[in-house]
């Protein structure tokens, strides 16, 4: 039986493959694969932690050389100082990202950055240039963030 949970962050590209970068280090915060990130300095990245922030759609990818063989690379976070593997999302790409707690996303929900580091929230009122993408699946979160498939806009 095939697995229903993806084991990678970039699920589908619209057109050519996206180059992945690994030239920046995690700043002080722990970065999980699938988080929306931004430049913290010329050499570091950090999770986006501002609601409705206009962003460059930088998304942390899974750890290429995951040190813990007991769990998948998609579950292993980058510690402060680790080189973070990331890419810039393009419209039409499909990513496996994070939905912040206490959200109900239905297929087609508009998603934007939330105040929770690197996570997305359902956007109903401020739809504009801050939008990251739309939900490709229905996900309801309660006390913890959960992964969600997001089509980039």
Protein backbone atom coordinates (compact mmCIF):
# COMPACT_ATOMS: atom_id res chain seq x y z
CA UNK A 1 0.00 0.00 0.00
CA UNK A 2 1.37 3.42 -0.94
CA UNK A 3 2.08 6.02 1.72
CA UNK A 4 -0.44 8.86 1.91
CA UNK A 5 1.83 11.25 3.83
CA UNK A 6 4.40 13.00 1.65
CA UNK A 7 8.06 12.54 2.59
CA UNK A 8 9.30 15.70 0.91
CA UNK A 9 8.41 19.39 0.95
CA UNK A 10 8.39 20.33 -2.75
CA UNK A 11 5.68 18.06 -4.13
CA UNK A 12 5.22 19.46 -7.63
CA UNK A 13 6.80 22.17 -9.75
CA UNK A 14 5.14 24.31 -12.37
CA UNK A 15 7.64 24.07 -15.21
CA UNK A 16 11.34 23.55 -14.64
CA UNK A 17 12.82 22.19 -11.41
CA UNK A 18 13.46 24.72 -8.67
CA UNK A 19 17.10 25.12 -7.68
CA UNK A 20 17.68 24.56 -4.00
CA UNK A 21 20.10 26.67 -2.02
CA UNK A 22 22.03 25.89 1.14
CA UNK A 23 24.22 28.96 1.54
CA UNK A 24 22.47 30.45 4.58
CA UNK A 25 22.49 29.29 8.19
CA UNK A 26 19.59 29.07 10.60
CA UNK A 27 19.55 32.14 12.85
CA UNK A 28 18.54 31.64 16.48
CA UNK A 29 15.21 29.96 15.79
CA UNK A 30 14.80 26.29 14.93
CA UNK A 31 13.61 25.92 11.35
CA UNK A 32 11.43 22.98 10.31
CA UNK A 33 11.16 21.79 6.71
CA UNK A 34 8.07 23.36 5.15
CA UNK A 35 8.36 26.63 7.06
CA UNK A 36 8.11 29.98 5.30
CA UNK A 37 11.47 31.67 5.92
CA UNK A 38 13.15 35.01 5.23
CA UNK A 39 16.60 36.53 5.32
CA UNK A 40 17.68 37.57 8.81
CA UNK A 41 21.07 38.82 7.60
CA UNK A 42 23.37 38.33 4.61
CA UNK A 43 24.29 34.87 5.93
CA UNK A 44 21.25 33.69 7.95
CA UNK A 45 17.56 32.88 7.57
CA UNK A 46 14.75 32.80 10.11
CA UNK A 47 11.06 31.80 10.05
CA UNK A 48 8.65 34.54 8.95
CA UNK A 49 6.86 35.55 12.17
CA UNK A 50 4.67 38.44 11.07
CA UNK A 51 1.04 37.99 10.11
CA UNK A 52 0.17 38.99 6.54
CA UNK A 53 3.76 39.94 5.77
CA UNK A 54 4.76 40.44 2.15
CA UNK A 55 7.43 37.80 1.62
CA UNK A 56 9.72 36.28 -0.98
CA UNK A 57 8.17 32.80 -0.69
CA UNK A 58 11.39 31.19 0.56
CA UNK A 59 10.52 27.73 1.88
CA UNK A 60 12.76 25.48 3.95
CA UNK A 61 13.24 22.06 2.36
CA UNK A 62 13.90 18.72 4.05
CA UNK A 63 17.33 18.08 5.52
CA UNK A 64 19.43 16.57 2.72
CA UNK A 65 21.79 14.73 5.05
CA UNK A 66 19.42 13.94 7.91
CA UNK A 67 21.47 12.80 10.91
CA UNK A 68 18.72 10.78 12.61
CA UNK A 69 18.00 7.60 10.67
CA UNK A 70 15.02 6.76 12.92
CA UNK A 71 12.85 9.57 11.53
CA UNK A 72 12.30 10.92 8.01
CA UNK A 73 14.23 13.97 6.82
CA UNK A 74 10.96 15.93 6.55
CA UNK A 75 10.59 15.66 10.35
CA UNK A 76 14.07 16.84 11.28
CA UNK A 77 14.53 20.50 12.14
CA UNK A 78 17.52 22.69 11.45
CA UNK A 79 19.24 23.90 14.61
CA UNK A 80 20.75 27.34 15.00
CA UNK A 81 23.90 27.50 12.86
CA UNK A 82 22.94 24.64 10.53
CA UNK A 83 23.01 25.33 6.80
CA UNK A 84 19.37 25.45 5.70
CA UNK A 85 18.32 23.94 2.38
CA UNK A 86 15.63 26.13 0.82
CA UNK A 87 14.11 27.23 -2.47
CA UNK A 88 12.09 30.11 -3.84
CA UNK A 89 8.57 29.00 -4.71
CA UNK A 90 7.03 29.96 -8.05
CA UNK A 91 3.34 30.31 -8.90
CA UNK A 92 1.79 26.89 -9.49
CA UNK A 93 4.29 24.95 -7.35
CA UNK A 94 2.87 22.61 -4.69
CA UNK A 95 4.53 22.55 -1.25
CA UNK A 96 3.91 20.67 2.00
CA UNK A 97 3.88 23.49 4.55
CA UNK A 98 2.59 24.28 8.08
CA UNK A 99 -0.86 25.56 9.11
CA UNK A 100 -0.89 27.41 12.44
CA UNK A 101 -3.03 26.10 15.38
CA UNK A 102 -6.76 26.90 15.64
CA UNK A 103 -7.36 27.08 11.89
CA UNK A 104 -9.88 25.45 9.58
CA UNK A 105 -8.73 25.37 5.97
CA UNK A 106 -10.93 23.97 3.24
CA UNK A 107 -9.81 23.22 -0.29
CA UNK A 108 -9.30 26.62 -1.91
CA UNK A 109 -8.75 28.59 1.32
CA UNK A 110 -6.40 31.52 0.85
CA UNK A 111 -3.29 31.20 3.04
CA UNK A 112 -0.88 33.92 4.22
CA UNK A 113 1.95 34.16 6.74
CA UNK A 114 0.84 34.04 10.36
CA UNK A 115 2.31 35.47 13.55
CA UNK A 116 3.45 31.93 14.42
CA UNK A 117 6.99 31.43 13.14
CA UNK A 118 7.06 30.00 9.61
CA UNK A 119 3.43 28.90 9.59
CA UNK A 120 0.45 29.91 7.47
CA UNK A 121 -3.05 30.95 8.47
CA UNK A 122 -6.36 31.19 6.64
CA UNK A 123 -6.78 34.70 5.24
CA UNK A 124 -10.33 35.94 4.79
CA UNK A 125 -10.15 39.73 4.93
CA UNK A 126 -6.72 40.95 3.80
CA UNK A 127 -6.38 39.12 0.51
CA UNK A 128 -3.63 40.85 -1.46
CA UNK A 129 0.09 40.74 -2.18
CA UNK A 130 0.76 39.02 1.16
CA UNK A 131 -0.93 35.78 0.05
CA UNK A 132 1.34 32.73 -0.17
CA UNK A 133 -1.05 30.23 -1.75
CA UNK A 134 -4.26 28.25 -1.55
CA UNK A 135 -5.04 25.07 0.35
CA UNK A 136 -5.05 21.97 -1.82
CA UNK A 137 -6.59 19.91 0.98
CA UNK A 138 -8.88 20.42 3.97
CA UNK A 139 -7.01 20.61 7.29
CA UNK A 140 -8.27 21.58 10.75
CA UNK A 141 -5.77 22.33 13.49
CA UNK A 142 -6.47 22.55 17.21
CA UNK A 143 -3.66 22.96 19.75
CA UNK A 144 -0.78 22.20 17.39
CA UNK A 145 0.30 23.18 13.89
CA UNK A 146 -0.27 20.61 11.14
CA UNK A 147 1.06 20.11 7.65
CA UNK A 148 -0.97 21.20 4.64
CA UNK A 149 -0.52 21.00 0.87
CA UNK A 150 -0.29 24.55 -0.51
CA UNK A 151 -0.49 25.64 -4.16
CA UNK A 152 1.65 28.78 -4.49
CA UNK A 153 0.02 31.87 -6.02
